[in-house]
Amino acid sequence: MEQFMEKVRAYADALGVQPSTVVQRAAKLGGAAWAKWEAGDGSPTLRTADKILKYMQENPAPVPPADAGDGAGEPMKRAS
């Protein structure tokens, strides 16, 4: 279970969203589902976990270019 949770956290971080947003998009669940899983008050069914993993596989997080130079790995800043 922890391995699954870590995969969702890493995917969410790569997209710049909360893990609950990934759960909402992938499994059509409310944001409270992730909070319950994090608190140990429940866990996803295998079917739900599979849906989320499939969604993450079919919608990969963008990979930053290798030649990003200075500032690589930093979030992009908005123009004023």
Protein backbone atom coordinates (compact mmCIF):
# COMPACT_ATOMS: atom_id res chain seq x y z
CA MET A 1 0.00 0.00 0.00
CA GLU A 2 2.77 2.44 0.90
CA GLN A 3 4.48 1.79 -2.44
CA PHE A 4 1.25 2.68 -4.25
CA MET A 5 0.83 5.84 -2.17
CA GLU A 6 4.41 6.91 -2.93
CA LYS A 7 3.88 6.40 -6.66
CA VAL A 8 0.79 8.62 -6.56
CA ARG A 9 2.65 11.27 -4.51
CA ALA A 10 5.58 11.29 -6.94
CA TYR A 11 3.25 11.52 -9.95
CA ALA A 12 1.31 14.37 -8.35
CA ASP A 13 4.55 16.21 -7.53
CA ALA A 14 5.70 15.87 -11.13
CA LEU A 15 2.45 17.45 -12.30
CA GLY A 16 2.41 20.12 -9.60
CA VAL A 17 -0.91 18.96 -8.17
CA GLN A 18 -2.09 17.36 -4.94
CA PRO A 19 -2.39 13.56 -4.78
CA SER A 20 -6.12 13.98 -4.15
CA THR A 21 -6.39 15.65 -7.57
CA VAL A 22 -4.82 12.60 -9.20
CA VAL A 23 -7.34 10.37 -7.40
CA GLN A 24 -10.21 12.61 -8.53
CA ARG A 25 -9.08 12.60 -12.16
CA ALA A 26 -8.17 8.92 -12.35
CA ALA A 27 -10.82 7.21 -10.28
CA LYS A 28 -13.59 9.80 -10.15
CA LEU A 29 -13.45 9.78 -6.34
CA GLY A 30 -13.80 12.76 -4.03
CA GLY A 31 -10.73 14.39 -2.55
CA ALA A 32 -11.60 12.93 0.85
CA ALA A 33 -10.65 9.45 -0.37
CA TRP A 34 -6.94 10.33 -0.45
CA ALA A 35 -7.16 11.94 2.98
CA LYS A 36 -8.68 8.76 4.42
CA TRP A 37 -5.98 6.61 2.82
CA GLU A 38 -3.26 8.90 4.17
CA ALA A 39 -4.76 8.78 7.66
CA GLY A 40 -4.99 5.00 7.56
CA ASP A 41 -8.79 5.14 7.85
CA GLY A 42 -9.25 3.15 4.68
CA SER A 43 -7.52 1.95 1.57
CA PRO A 44 -8.34 1.78 -2.11
CA THR A 45 -9.77 -1.39 -3.56
CA LEU A 46 -7.55 -3.25 -5.99
CA ARG A 47 -9.83 -2.10 -8.79
CA THR A 48 -9.46 1.54 -7.75
CA ALA A 49 -5.68 1.26 -7.37
CA ASP A 50 -5.49 -0.35 -10.82
CA LYS A 51 -7.55 2.50 -12.31
CA ILE A 52 -5.21 5.08 -10.81
CA LEU A 53 -2.07 3.26 -11.94
CA LYS A 54 -3.49 2.83 -15.44
CA TYR A 55 -4.36 6.54 -15.59
CA MET A 56 -0.82 7.46 -14.53
CA GLN A 57 0.64 5.15 -17.19
CA GLU A 58 -1.62 6.50 -19.94
CA ASN A 59 -1.01 10.13 -18.90
CA PRO A 60 2.70 10.32 -18.09
CA ALA A 61 4.06 13.34 -16.27
CA PRO A 62 6.11 15.65 -18.48
CA VAL A 63 9.85 15.09 -18.30
CA PRO A 64 11.93 18.28 -18.13
CA PRO A 65 14.40 18.66 -20.99
CA ALA A 66 17.89 17.37 -20.22
CA ASP A 67 19.51 20.59 -21.44
CA ALA A 68 17.46 22.86 -19.18
CA GLY A 69 20.68 24.38 -17.83
CA ASP A 70 20.45 26.62 -14.77
CA GLY A 71 17.20 26.28 -12.89
CA ALA A 72 16.62 22.69 -13.94
CA GLY A 73 14.10 21.08 -11.68
CA GLU A 74 12.70 24.40 -10.54
CA PRO A 75 9.09 25.32 -11.27
CA MET A 76 8.53 27.71 -14.13
CA LYS A 77 7.80 31.30 -13.13
CA ARG A 78 4.92 33.27 -14.54
CA ALA A 79 5.66 36.32 -16.60
CA SER A 80 4.52 39.58 -15.07
